[in-house]
Amino acid sequence: MEPFLTRSYRQDRIAVRGGDLTVGVWEPVAGLDDDAVAAVTPHPPITPTTGYTAVEPPAAAEVPTGPRTILLLHGLTGHHQAFLAVADRLDAYRVLAPDLRGRGQSYPLLGPYGMAAHADDLAQVLEAEEARDVVVVGYSMGGLAALVLAHRYPGLVQSLVLLDMWLPRLAFPSEDRDATVSHIFAPLFATIERRYASLDEYHRFWERSGRFDAPLSEQARAALDYALHGREPELGIRVQQRAAWDDAIEVMGAEDVLAALNGLSHPARLLWHRAGHAEGAAAWDIADSAESWASLLPTLTAVEYPADRRIPLFTDDGVARIRAAVDELARS
């Protein structure tokens, strides 16, 4: 079911440097009855112990008693409608989800890109939407933007959920940083360089990718179609290539990102699995990185979850785990 059929949804345009940022806004559903609550909370929240845990089992569910703002930040080549299923599950909350600079309807915004630029844009969004004490959910690259937002504007953020976030590391002394980034992110770069002759070809491409259920769900199809621009036979994905490159390079130890991670003081949950980003990327040891950072940072808990290659934003288990983590942090 489309989220905008069950709750209020709109797109706001927020003035930022160089133009406007598009933000999807879902307002909370008032007066959920018992049947509605049961329908949106079938998967209980995760209550991990302090530090690092592996495949933590869920605990008892609890629905928040009042609306709180949740900020959803998409990945490197994403946009706000990648969160359709997540926003639907978070119907007890007010949800803000921007198209980050250079993506989606914010595609016309030029650089500078990078996590500091995204954080500054996001601070403008939260100010314009009068949001405080926000729980920020960052998927993949969005997790890095969430960290830098919390570091640069600590008063706006209450806590963080970092889903499948690339844990940054410094380049080795003899390493060609550009070559490493090109290799690891090659599949993502290829999707934004590719052209599709028709909408059907585009849908078949993503069904064969293994990143979505086949046939595509209504939410996956809506999210994929939102990303398109151009006309047949030259359809493309609405992502500035320079934005994708400048943001990807920051996983190699950008100063802003490392400072934000080292200085993390907000409660944070890192949810990760071995299949997705780590696949074919031997330069990163995800398990060791998660365990190391969780042992160093007292407010960070790393939780591994079992998953396959599908994008967790579109799986029942992935969406439920996001809701569980948000519920836990919103109560703290």
C-alpha atoms as a PDB file:
ATOM      1  CA  MET A   1       0.000   0.000   0.000  1.00  0.00           C
ATOM      2  CA  GLU A   2       1.301   3.446  -0.862  1.00  0.00           C
ATOM      3  CA  PRO A   3       2.143   5.545   2.238  1.00  0.00           C
ATOM      4  CA  PHE A   4       0.357   8.580   0.874  1.00  0.00           C
ATOM      5  CA  LEU A   5      -2.902   6.614   0.816  1.00  0.00           C
ATOM      6  CA  THR A   6      -2.795   5.963   4.569  1.00  0.00           C
ATOM      7  CA  ARG A   7      -1.372   9.249   5.844  1.00  0.00           C
ATOM      8  CA  SER A   8      -0.714  12.857   4.863  1.00  0.00           C
ATOM      9  CA  TYR A   9       2.175  13.199   2.383  1.00  0.00           C
ATOM     10  CA  ARG A  10       3.587  16.219   0.609  1.00  0.00           C
ATOM     11  CA  GLN A  11       6.796  17.509  -0.935  1.00  0.00           C
ATOM     12  CA  ASP A  12       8.308  20.699   0.483  1.00  0.00           C
ATOM     13  CA  ARG A  13      10.922  22.848  -1.223  1.00  0.00           C
ATOM     14  CA  ILE A  14      13.513  24.154   1.241  1.00  0.00           C
ATOM     15  CA  ALA A  15      15.914  26.945   0.298  1.00  0.00           C
ATOM     16  CA  VAL A  16      19.560  25.898   0.591  1.00  0.00           C
ATOM     17  CA  ARG A  17      22.782  27.130  -0.957  1.00  0.00           C
ATOM     18  CA  GLY A  18      22.349  27.307  -4.721  1.00  0.00           C
ATOM     19  CA  GLY A  19      18.637  26.528  -4.933  1.00  0.00           C
ATOM     20  CA  ASP A  20      15.935  24.387  -3.340  1.00  0.00           C
ATOM     21  CA  LEU A  21      16.086  20.947  -1.752  1.00  0.00           C
ATOM     22  CA  THR A  22      13.052  18.690  -2.195  1.00  0.00           C
ATOM     23  CA  VAL A  23      11.843  17.022   1.015  1.00  0.00           C
ATOM     24  CA  GLY A  24       9.174  14.363   1.341  1.00  0.00           C
ATOM     25  CA  VAL A  25       7.046  14.911   4.457  1.00  0.00           C
ATOM     26  CA  TRP A  26       4.754  12.323   6.031  1.00  0.00           C
ATOM     27  CA  GLU A  27       2.654  13.509   8.956  1.00  0.00           C
ATOM     28  CA  PRO A  28       1.849  11.055  11.792  1.00  0.00           C
ATOM     29  CA  VAL A  29      -1.419   9.154  11.784  1.00  0.00           C
ATOM     30  CA  ALA A  30      -3.589  10.388  14.670  1.00  0.00           C
ATOM     31  CA  GLY A  31      -5.580   8.031  16.864  1.00  0.00           C
ATOM     32  CA  LEU A  32      -4.351   4.648  15.667  1.00  0.00           C
ATOM     33  CA  ASP A  33      -6.742   1.958  16.865  1.00  0.00           C
ATOM     34  CA  ASP A  34      -5.550  -1.381  18.262  1.00  0.00           C
ATOM     35  CA  ASP A  35      -5.876  -3.153  14.909  1.00  0.00           C
ATOM     36  CA  ALA A  36      -3.861  -0.434  13.150  1.00  0.00           C
ATOM     37  CA  VAL A  37      -1.112  -0.555  15.791  1.00  0.00           C
ATOM     38  CA  ALA A  38      -0.868  -4.321  15.485  1.00  0.00           C
ATOM     39  CA  ALA A  39      -0.684  -4.021  11.713  1.00  0.00           C
ATOM     40  CA  VAL A  40       2.305  -1.676  11.747  1.00  0.00           C
ATOM     41  CA  THR A  41       4.291  -3.249  14.597  1.00  0.00           C
ATOM     42  CA  PRO A  42       4.448  -6.999  13.934  1.00  0.00           C
ATOM     43  CA  HIS A  43       8.236  -7.099  14.369  1.00  0.00           C
ATOM     44  CA  PRO A  44       9.386  -6.240  17.909  1.00  0.00           C
ATOM     45  CA  PRO A  45      12.236  -3.816  18.537  1.00  0.00           C
ATOM     46  CA  ILE A  46      15.870  -4.805  18.857  1.00  0.00           C
ATOM     47  CA  THR A  47      17.383  -4.217  22.292  1.00  0.00           C
ATOM     48  CA  PRO A  48      21.109  -4.865  21.832  1.00  0.00           C
ATOM     49  CA  THR A  49      23.566  -4.884  24.673  1.00  0.00           C
ATOM     50  CA  THR A  50      26.253  -2.225  24.907  1.00  0.00           C
ATOM     51  CA  GLY A  51      29.026  -2.657  22.361  1.00  0.00           C
ATOM     52  CA  TYR A  52      29.074  -5.232  19.575  1.00  0.00           C
ATOM     53  CA  THR A  53      26.583  -8.057  19.149  1.00  0.00           C
ATOM     54  CA  ALA A  54      25.942 -10.459  16.296  1.00  0.00           C
ATOM     55  CA  VAL A  55      22.442 -11.158  14.942  1.00  0.00           C
ATOM     56  CA  GLU A  56      20.714  -9.823  18.048  1.00  0.00           C
ATOM     57  CA  PRO A  57      17.251 -11.375  18.604  1.00  0.00           C
ATOM     58  CA  PRO A  58      14.294  -9.005  19.002  1.00  0.00           C
ATOM     59  CA  ALA A  59      12.632  -8.221  22.319  1.00  0.00           C
ATOM     60  CA  ALA A  60       9.146  -7.020  23.283  1.00  0.00           C
ATOM     61  CA  ALA A  61       7.403  -4.360  21.194  1.00  0.00           C
ATOM     62  CA  GLU A  62       6.323  -0.964  22.445  1.00  0.00           C
ATOM     63  CA  VAL A  63       4.618   1.746  20.426  1.00  0.00           C
ATOM     64  CA  PRO A  64       5.729   5.360  21.078  1.00  0.00           C
ATOM     65  CA  THR A  65       3.175   7.528  22.881  1.00  0.00           C
ATOM     66  CA  GLY A  66       3.691  10.796  20.977  1.00  0.00           C
ATOM     67  CA  PRO A  67       4.863  11.975  17.565  1.00  0.00           C
ATOM     68  CA  ARG A  68       8.538  12.632  17.052  1.00  0.00           C
ATOM     69  CA  THR A  69      10.340  13.709  13.904  1.00  0.00           C
ATOM     70  CA  ILE A  70      12.359  11.074  12.047  1.00  0.00           C
ATOM     71  CA  LEU A  71      14.818  12.196   9.347  1.00  0.00           C
ATOM     72  CA  LEU A  72      15.519   9.573   6.664  1.00  0.00           C
ATOM     73  CA  LEU A  73      18.695   9.914   4.565  1.00  0.00           C
ATOM     74  CA  HIS A  74      19.149   7.837   1.427  1.00  0.00           C
ATOM     75  CA  GLY A  75      22.256   6.268  -0.081  1.00  0.00           C
ATOM     76  CA  LEU A  76      24.736   7.294  -2.750  1.00  0.00           C
ATOM     77  CA  THR A  77      22.434   6.985  -5.772  1.00  0.00           C
ATOM     78  CA  GLY A  78      19.097   7.146  -3.956  1.00  0.00           C
ATOM     79  CA  HIS A  79      16.324   9.642  -3.253  1.00  0.00           C
ATOM     80  CA  HIS A  80      13.591  10.149  -0.675  1.00  0.00           C
ATOM     81  CA  GLN A  81      11.082   7.768  -2.234  1.00  0.00           C
ATOM     82  CA  ALA A  82      13.409   4.862  -1.540  1.00  0.00           C
ATOM     83  CA  PHE A  83      11.836   5.160   1.936  1.00  0.00           C
ATOM     84  CA  LEU A  84       8.197   4.592   0.911  1.00  0.00           C
ATOM     85  CA  ALA A  85       7.898   1.321   2.818  1.00  0.00           C
ATOM     86  CA  VAL A  86       9.871   2.671   5.792  1.00  0.00           C
ATOM     87  CA  ALA A  87       7.745   5.821   6.049  1.00  0.00           C
ATOM     88  CA  ASP A  88       4.606   3.680   5.915  1.00  0.00           C
ATOM     89  CA  ARG A  89       5.854   1.633   8.890  1.00  0.00           C
ATOM     90  CA  LEU A  90       6.826   4.775  10.823  1.00  0.00           C
ATOM     91  CA  ASP A  91       3.273   6.081  10.821  1.00  0.00           C
ATOM     92  CA  ALA A  92       3.353   7.034  14.521  1.00  0.00           C
ATOM     93  CA  TYR A  93       6.003   9.620  13.666  1.00  0.00           C
ATOM     94  CA  ARG A  94       6.431  12.713  11.565  1.00  0.00           C
ATOM     95  CA  VAL A  95       8.855  11.718   8.806  1.00  0.00           C
ATOM     96  CA  LEU A  96      11.125  13.992   6.765  1.00  0.00           C
ATOM     97  CA  ALA A  97      13.067  12.500   3.851  1.00  0.00           C
ATOM     98  CA  PRO A  98      15.034  14.795   1.518  1.00  0.00           C
ATOM     99  CA  ASP A  99      16.385  14.237  -1.934  1.00  0.00           C
ATOM    100  CA  LEU A 100      19.994  15.040  -1.123  1.00  0.00           C
ATOM    101  CA  ARG A 101      21.883  17.558  -3.240  1.00  0.00           C
ATOM    102  CA  GLY A 102      22.346  16.270  -6.792  1.00  0.00           C
ATOM    103  CA  ARG A 103      19.676  13.533  -6.596  1.00  0.00           C
ATOM    104  CA  GLY A 104      15.977  13.115  -7.306  1.00  0.00           C
ATOM    105  CA  GLN A 105      14.117  16.418  -7.505  1.00  0.00           C
ATOM    106  CA  SER A 106      17.193  18.074  -5.939  1.00  0.00           C
ATOM    107  CA  TYR A 107      19.144  16.999  -9.044  1.00  0.00           C
ATOM    108  CA  PRO A 108      19.710  20.582 -10.307  1.00  0.00           C
ATOM    109  CA  LEU A 109      21.675  21.561  -7.179  1.00  0.00           C
ATOM    110  CA  LEU A 110      25.363  21.790  -7.971  1.00  0.00           C
ATOM    111  CA  GLY A 111      28.313  21.346  -5.617  1.00  0.00           C
ATOM    112  CA  PRO A 112      30.120  21.491  -3.419  1.00  0.00           C
ATOM    113  CA  TYR A 113      28.981  18.017  -2.426  1.00  0.00           C
ATOM    114  CA  GLY A 114      30.320  15.880   0.401  1.00  0.00           C
ATOM    115  CA  MET A 115      29.010  15.171   3.892  1.00  0.00           C
ATOM    116  CA  ALA A 116      29.617  18.668   5.281  1.00  0.00           C
ATOM    117  CA  ALA A 117      27.564  20.186   2.445  1.00  0.00           C
ATOM    118  CA  HIS A 118      24.778  17.656   3.029  1.00  0.00           C
ATOM    119  CA  ALA A 119      24.844  18.369   6.772  1.00  0.00           C
ATOM    120  CA  ASP A 120      24.477  22.097   6.142  1.00  0.00           C
ATOM    121  CA  ASP A 121      21.546  21.447   3.793  1.00  0.00           C
ATOM    122  CA  LEU A 122      19.926  19.149   6.356  1.00  0.00           C
ATOM    123  CA  ALA A 123      20.268  21.728   9.112  1.00  0.00           C
ATOM    124  CA  GLN A 124      18.363  24.146   6.862  1.00  0.00           C
ATOM    125  CA  VAL A 125      15.672  21.515   6.354  1.00  0.00           C
ATOM    126  CA  LEU A 126      15.266  20.878  10.090  1.00  0.00           C
ATOM    127  CA  GLU A 127      15.135  24.596  10.831  1.00  0.00           C
ATOM    128  CA  ALA A 128      12.540  25.204   8.106  1.00  0.00           C
ATOM    129  CA  GLU A 129      10.430  22.259   9.292  1.00  0.00           C
ATOM    130  CA  GLU A 130      10.824  23.368  12.946  1.00  0.00           C
ATOM    131  CA  ALA A 131      12.225  19.968  13.913  1.00  0.00           C
ATOM    132  CA  ARG A 132      14.286  19.358  17.073  1.00  0.00           C
ATOM    133  CA  ASP A 133      15.554  16.258  18.892  1.00  0.00           C
ATOM    134  CA  VAL A 134      15.352  14.313  15.658  1.00  0.00           C
ATOM    135  CA  VAL A 135      16.068  10.604  15.290  1.00  0.00           C
ATOM    136  CA  VAL A 136      18.129  10.364  12.085  1.00  0.00           C
ATOM    137  CA  VAL A 137      18.099   7.162  10.008  1.00  0.00           C
ATOM    138  CA  GLY A 138      20.937   7.060   7.480  1.00  0.00           C
ATOM    139  CA  TYR A 139      21.147   4.273   4.908  1.00  0.00           C
ATOM    140  CA  SER A 140      24.573   3.537   3.402  1.00  0.00           C
ATOM    141  CA  MET A 141      26.106   6.926   2.491  1.00  0.00           C
ATOM    142  CA  GLY A 142      23.214   8.558   4.327  1.00  0.00           C
ATOM    143  CA  GLY A 143      24.751   7.217   7.535  1.00  0.00           C
ATOM    144  CA  LEU A 144      27.865   9.296   6.943  1.00  0.00           C
ATOM    145  CA  ALA A 145      25.731  12.374   6.335  1.00  0.00           C
ATOM    146  CA  ALA A 146      23.851  11.609   9.563  1.00  0.00           C
ATOM    147  CA  LEU A 147      27.103  11.439  11.535  1.00  0.00           C
ATOM    148  CA  VAL A 148      28.355  14.748  10.181  1.00  0.00           C
ATOM    149  CA  LEU A 149      24.975  16.406  10.765  1.00  0.00           C
ATOM    150  CA  ALA A 150      25.045  15.293  14.418  1.00  0.00           C
ATOM    151  CA  HIS A 151      28.632  16.519  14.788  1.00  0.00           C
ATOM    152  CA  ARG A 152      28.097  19.928  13.174  1.00  0.00           C
ATOM    153  CA  TYR A 153      24.625  20.570  14.604  1.00  0.00           C
ATOM    154  CA  PRO A 154      24.411  18.491  17.799  1.00  0.00           C
ATOM    155  CA  GLY A 155      21.413  20.377  19.175  1.00  0.00           C
ATOM    156  CA  LEU A 156      19.203  19.277  16.279  1.00  0.00           C
ATOM    157  CA  VAL A 157      19.802  15.536  16.673  1.00  0.00           C
ATOM    158  CA  GLN A 158      18.679  13.185  19.429  1.00  0.00           C
ATOM    159  CA  SER A 159      20.019   9.851  18.144  1.00  0.00           C
ATOM    160  CA  LEU A 160      21.141   7.950  15.047  1.00  0.00           C
ATOM    161  CA  VAL A 161      20.268   4.732  13.240  1.00  0.00           C
ATOM    162  CA  LEU A 162      23.047   3.848  10.789  1.00  0.00           C
ATOM    163  CA  LEU A 163      21.889   1.154   8.382  1.00  0.00           C
ATOM    164  CA  ASP A 164      24.524  -0.618   6.275  1.00  0.00           C
ATOM    165  CA  MET A 165      26.765   2.431   6.571  1.00  0.00           C
ATOM    166  CA  TRP A 166      30.231   2.284   5.094  1.00  0.00           C
ATOM    167  CA  LEU A 167      32.601   2.553   8.038  1.00  0.00           C
ATOM    168  CA  PRO A 168      35.270   5.024   6.867  1.00  0.00           C
ATOM    169  CA  ARG A 169      38.937   4.187   6.853  1.00  0.00           C
ATOM    170  CA  LEU A 170      42.134   5.941   5.846  1.00  0.00           C
ATOM    171  CA  ALA A 171      43.831   5.024   2.580  1.00  0.00           C
ATOM    172  CA  PHE A 172      46.934   2.850   2.863  1.00  0.00           C
ATOM    173  CA  PRO A 173      50.217   4.735   2.213  1.00  0.00           C
ATOM    174  CA  SER A 174      50.704   3.242  -1.253  1.00  0.00           C
ATOM    175  CA  GLU A 175      47.022   3.038  -2.138  1.00  0.00           C
ATOM    176  CA  ASP A 176      45.519   4.817  -5.124  1.00  0.00           C
ATOM    177  CA  ARG A 177      42.415   6.240  -3.437  1.00  0.00           C
ATOM    178  CA  ASP A 178      40.617   7.056  -6.690  1.00  0.00           C
ATOM    179  CA  ALA A 179      41.234   3.541  -8.037  1.00  0.00           C
ATOM    180  CA  THR A 180      39.901   1.950  -4.849  1.00  0.00           C
ATOM    181  CA  VAL A 181      36.735   4.039  -4.905  1.00  0.00           C
ATOM    182  CA  SER A 182      36.236   3.378  -8.629  1.00  0.00           C
ATOM    183  CA  HIS A 183      36.532  -0.372  -8.050  1.00  0.00           C
ATOM    184  CA  ILE A 184      34.316  -0.648  -4.980  1.00  0.00           C
ATOM    185  CA  PHE A 185      31.571   1.657  -6.218  1.00  0.00           C
ATOM    186  CA  ALA A 186      31.728   0.527  -9.870  1.00  0.00           C
ATOM    187  CA  PRO A 187      28.280  -1.165  -9.782  1.00  0.00           C
ATOM    188  CA  LEU A 188      26.634   1.988  -8.419  1.00  0.00           C
ATOM    189  CA  PHE A 189      28.434   4.270 -10.842  1.00  0.00           C
ATOM    190  CA  ALA A 190      27.411   1.969 -13.697  1.00  0.00           C
ATOM    191  CA  THR A 191      23.716   2.297 -12.859  1.00  0.00           C
ATOM    192  CA  ILE A 192      23.771   6.096 -13.149  1.00  0.00           C
ATOM    193  CA  GLU A 193      25.812   6.029 -16.374  1.00  0.00           C
ATOM    194  CA  ARG A 194      23.575   3.436 -18.009  1.00  0.00           C
ATOM    195  CA  ARG A 195      20.756   4.405 -20.382  1.00  0.00           C
ATOM    196  CA  TYR A 196      17.526   2.424 -20.689  1.00  0.00           C
ATOM    197  CA  ALA A 197      15.581   2.115 -23.931  1.00  0.00           C
ATOM    198  CA  SER A 198      12.212   1.726 -22.207  1.00  0.00           C
ATOM    199  CA  LEU A 199      10.512   1.634 -18.830  1.00  0.00           C
ATOM    200  CA  ASP A 200      10.050  -2.131 -19.198  1.00  0.00           C
ATOM    201  CA  GLU A 201      13.781  -2.603 -19.812  1.00  0.00           C
ATOM    202  CA  TYR A 202      14.526  -0.496 -16.762  1.00  0.00           C
ATOM    203  CA  HIS A 203      12.208  -2.578 -14.556  1.00  0.00           C
ATOM    204  CA  ARG A 204      13.645  -5.849 -15.914  1.00  0.00           C
ATOM    205  CA  PHE A 205      17.169  -4.636 -15.181  1.00  0.00           C
ATOM    206  CA  TRP A 206      16.338  -4.121 -11.505  1.00  0.00           C
ATOM    207  CA  GLU A 207      14.365  -7.362 -11.227  1.00  0.00           C
ATOM    208  CA  ARG A 208      17.404  -9.276 -12.511  1.00  0.00           C
ATOM    209  CA  SER A 209      19.765  -7.414 -10.166  1.00  0.00           C
ATOM    210  CA  GLY A 210      18.631  -9.379  -7.127  1.00  0.00           C
ATOM    211  CA  ARG A 211      18.299  -6.142  -5.132  1.00  0.00           C
ATOM    212  CA  PHE A 212      14.496  -6.265  -5.186  1.00  0.00           C
ATOM    213  CA  ASP A 213      11.801  -8.900  -5.051  1.00  0.00           C
ATOM    214  CA  ALA A 214      10.643 -10.122  -8.455  1.00  0.00           C
ATOM    215  CA  PRO A 215       8.142  -9.116  -9.590  1.00  0.00           C
ATOM    216  CA  LEU A 216       8.747  -5.636  -8.240  1.00  0.00           C
ATOM    217  CA  SER A 217       6.507  -4.510  -5.396  1.00  0.00           C
ATOM    218  CA  GLU A 218       4.392  -1.385  -5.856  1.00  0.00           C
ATOM    219  CA  GLN A 219       6.707   0.541  -3.530  1.00  0.00           C
ATOM    220  CA  ALA A 220       9.852  -0.599  -5.328  1.00  0.00           C
ATOM    221  CA  ARG A 221       8.363   0.250  -8.720  1.00  0.00           C
ATOM    222  CA  ALA A 222       7.258   3.702  -7.500  1.00  0.00           C
ATOM    223  CA  ALA A 223      10.695   4.418  -6.041  1.00  0.00           C
ATOM    224  CA  LEU A 224      12.502   3.280  -9.183  1.00  0.00           C
ATOM    225  CA  ASP A 225      10.248   5.313 -11.456  1.00  0.00           C
ATOM    226  CA  TYR A 226      10.733   8.442  -9.357  1.00  0.00           C
ATOM    227  CA  ALA A 227      14.465   8.294 -10.096  1.00  0.00           C
ATOM    228  CA  LEU A 228      14.056   8.388 -13.873  1.00  0.00           C
ATOM    229  CA  HIS A 229      14.616  11.324 -16.182  1.00  0.00           C
ATOM    230  CA  GLY A 230      14.791  11.737 -19.940  1.00  0.00           C
ATOM    231  CA  ARG A 231      12.673  10.029 -22.577  1.00  0.00           C
ATOM    232  CA  GLU A 232      12.698   6.645 -24.265  1.00  0.00           C
ATOM    233  CA  PRO A 233      15.049   5.395 -25.628  1.00  0.00           C
ATOM    234  CA  GLU A 234      17.382   7.522 -23.453  1.00  0.00           C
ATOM    235  CA  LEU A 235      16.070   7.051 -19.925  1.00  0.00           C
ATOM    236  CA  GLY A 236      18.560   7.648 -17.123  1.00  0.00           C
ATOM    237  CA  ILE A 237      18.721   7.878 -13.335  1.00  0.00           C
ATOM    238  CA  ARG A 238      18.503  11.328 -11.825  1.00  0.00           C
ATOM    239  CA  VAL A 239      21.877  11.490 -10.019  1.00  0.00           C
ATOM    240  CA  GLN A 240      24.646  13.989 -10.700  1.00  0.00           C
ATOM    241  CA  GLN A 241      27.752  11.916 -11.439  1.00  0.00           C
ATOM    242  CA  ARG A 242      29.957  14.483  -9.726  1.00  0.00           C
ATOM    243  CA  ALA A 243      27.807  14.278  -6.603  1.00  0.00           C
ATOM    244  CA  ALA A 244      28.114  10.489  -6.496  1.00  0.00           C
ATOM    245  CA  TRP A 245      31.899  10.636  -6.921  1.00  0.00           C
ATOM    246  CA  ASP A 246      32.535  13.392  -4.373  1.00  0.00           C
ATOM    247  CA  ASP A 247      30.384  11.641  -1.802  1.00  0.00           C
ATOM    248  CA  ALA A 248      31.862   8.181  -2.436  1.00  0.00           C
ATOM    249  CA  ILE A 249      35.417   9.420  -1.986  1.00  0.00           C
ATOM    250  CA  GLU A 250      34.627  10.452   1.595  1.00  0.00           C
ATOM    251  CA  VAL A 251      34.491   6.852   2.806  1.00  0.00           C
ATOM    252  CA  MET A 252      38.276   6.884   2.412  1.00  0.00           C
ATOM    253  CA  GLY A 253      38.740   8.964   5.521  1.00  0.00           C
ATOM    254  CA  ALA A 254      37.483  12.472   4.833  1.00  0.00           C
ATOM    255  CA  GLU A 255      38.335  14.786   7.715  1.00  0.00           C
ATOM    256  CA  ASP A 256      34.707  15.752   8.395  1.00  0.00           C
ATOM    257  CA  VAL A 257      33.566  12.130   8.526  1.00  0.00           C
ATOM    258  CA  LEU A 258      36.393  10.900  10.758  1.00  0.00           C
ATOM    259  CA  ALA A 259      35.955  13.850  13.109  1.00  0.00           C
ATOM    260  CA  ALA A 260      32.230  13.116  13.350  1.00  0.00           C
ATOM    261  CA  LEU A 261      32.769   9.424  14.048  1.00  0.00           C
ATOM    262  CA  ASN A 262      35.567   9.958  16.551  1.00  0.00           C
ATOM    263  CA  GLY A 263      33.527  12.654  18.285  1.00  0.00           C
ATOM    264  CA  LEU A 264      30.248  10.718  18.330  1.00  0.00           C
ATOM    265  CA  SER A 265      28.331  11.516  21.511  1.00  0.00           C
ATOM    266  CA  HIS A 266      24.734  10.800  20.449  1.00  0.00           C
ATOM    267  CA  PRO A 267      23.179   7.363  21.038  1.00  0.00           C
ATOM    268  CA  ALA A 268      23.653   5.406  17.814  1.00  0.00           C
ATOM    269  CA  ARG A 269      22.745   1.972  16.459  1.00  0.00           C
ATOM    270  CA  LEU A 270      24.751   0.531  13.573  1.00  0.00           C
ATOM    271  CA  LEU A 271      22.728  -2.166  11.795  1.00  0.00           C
ATOM    272  CA  TRP A 272      24.746  -4.057   9.204  1.00  0.00           C
ATOM    273  CA  HIS A 273      24.945  -7.326   7.307  1.00  0.00           C
ATOM    274  CA  ARG A 274      27.706  -9.136   5.453  1.00  0.00           C
ATOM    275  CA  ALA A 275      26.025  -9.504   2.082  1.00  0.00           C
ATOM    276  CA  GLY A 276      25.361  -6.013   0.719  1.00  0.00           C
ATOM    277  CA  HIS A 277      28.169  -3.477   0.573  1.00  0.00           C
ATOM    278  CA  ALA A 278      30.935  -5.870   1.611  1.00  0.00           C
ATOM    279  CA  GLU A 279      30.285  -8.071  -1.397  1.00  0.00           C
ATOM    280  CA  GLY A 280      33.414  -8.059  -3.558  1.00  0.00           C
ATOM    281  CA  ALA A 281      34.930  -5.208  -1.539  1.00  0.00           C
ATOM    282  CA  ALA A 282      37.895  -6.856   0.155  1.00  0.00           C
ATOM    283  CA  ALA A 283      39.346  -3.445   1.028  1.00  0.00           C
ATOM    284  CA  TRP A 284      36.824  -3.281   3.893  1.00  0.00           C
ATOM    285  CA  ASP A 285      36.527  -5.822   6.701  1.00  0.00           C
ATOM    286  CA  ILE A 286      33.006  -4.928   7.796  1.00  0.00           C
ATOM    287  CA  ALA A 287      32.892  -7.227  10.823  1.00  0.00           C
ATOM    288  CA  ASP A 288      36.194  -6.044  12.282  1.00  0.00           C
ATOM    289  CA  SER A 289      35.335  -2.411  11.553  1.00  0.00           C
ATOM    290  CA  ALA A 290      31.948  -2.654  13.267  1.00  0.00           C
ATOM    291  CA  GLU A 291      33.430  -4.384  16.301  1.00  0.00           C
ATOM    292  CA  SER A 292      36.352  -1.952  16.528  1.00  0.00           C
ATOM    293  CA  TRP A 293      34.280   1.222  16.295  1.00  0.00           C
ATOM    294  CA  ALA A 294      31.691  -0.109  18.753  1.00  0.00           C
ATOM    295  CA  SER A 295      34.442  -0.922  21.262  1.00  0.00           C
ATOM    296  CA  LEU A 296      35.932   2.569  20.918  1.00  0.00           C
ATOM    297  CA  LEU A 297      32.731   4.626  21.044  1.00  0.00           C
ATOM    298  CA  PRO A 298      30.601   4.249  24.184  1.00  0.00           C
ATOM    299  CA  THR A 299      27.382   5.502  22.566  1.00  0.00           C
ATOM    300  CA  LEU A 300      27.589   3.234  19.485  1.00  0.00           C
ATOM    301  CA  THR A 301      26.062  -0.244  19.392  1.00  0.00           C
ATOM    302  CA  ALA A 302      26.766  -2.452  16.365  1.00  0.00           C
ATOM    303  CA  VAL A 303      24.202  -5.124  15.529  1.00  0.00           C
ATOM    304  CA  GLU A 304      24.617  -7.610  12.706  1.00  0.00           C
ATOM    305  CA  TYR A 305      21.433  -8.856  11.093  1.00  0.00           C
ATOM    306  CA  PRO A 306      20.928 -11.775   8.692  1.00  0.00           C
ATOM    307  CA  ALA A 307      20.117 -10.645   5.177  1.00  0.00           C
ATOM    308  CA  ASP A 308      20.527 -11.375   1.504  1.00  0.00           C
ATOM    309  CA  ARG A 309      21.411  -9.077  -1.399  1.00  0.00           C
ATOM    310  CA  ARG A 310      18.047  -7.313  -1.395  1.00  0.00           C
ATOM    311  CA  ILE A 311      17.930  -3.664  -0.339  1.00  0.00           C
ATOM    312  CA  PRO A 312      16.645  -3.695   3.272  1.00  0.00           C
ATOM    313  CA  LEU A 313      14.500  -0.598   2.689  1.00  0.00           C
ATOM    314  CA  PHE A 314      12.187  -2.838   0.635  1.00  0.00           C
ATOM    315  CA  THR A 315      12.155  -6.051   2.700  1.00  0.00           C
ATOM    316  CA  ASP A 316       9.742  -6.777   5.544  1.00  0.00           C
ATOM    317  CA  ASP A 317      12.585  -7.706   7.877  1.00  0.00           C
ATOM    318  CA  GLY A 318      14.710  -4.669   7.009  1.00  0.00           C
ATOM    319  CA  VAL A 319      11.828  -2.219   7.422  1.00  0.00           C
ATOM    320  CA  ALA A 320      10.775  -3.851  10.698  1.00  0.00           C
ATOM    321  CA  ARG A 321      14.311  -3.586  12.092  1.00  0.00           C
ATOM    322  CA  ILE A 322      14.447   0.097  11.224  1.00  0.00           C
ATOM    323  CA  ARG A 323      11.127   0.658  13.009  1.00  0.00           C
ATOM    324  CA  ALA A 324      12.380  -1.334  16.008  1.00  0.00           C
ATOM    325  CA  ALA A 325      15.576   0.703  16.302  1.00  0.00           C
ATOM    326  CA  VAL A 326      13.689   3.984  15.893  1.00  0.00           C
ATOM    327  CA  ASP A 327      11.176   2.985  18.597  1.00  0.00           C
ATOM    328  CA  GLU A 328      13.975   2.108  20.997  1.00  0.00           C
ATOM    329  CA  LEU A 329      15.900   5.335  20.444  1.00  0.00           C
ATOM    330  CA  ALA A 330      12.790   7.525  20.460  1.00  0.00           C
ATOM    331  CA  ARG A 331      11.994   6.254  23.952  1.00  0.00           C
ATOM    332  CA  SER A 332      15.480   6.946  25.303  1.00  0.00           C
END
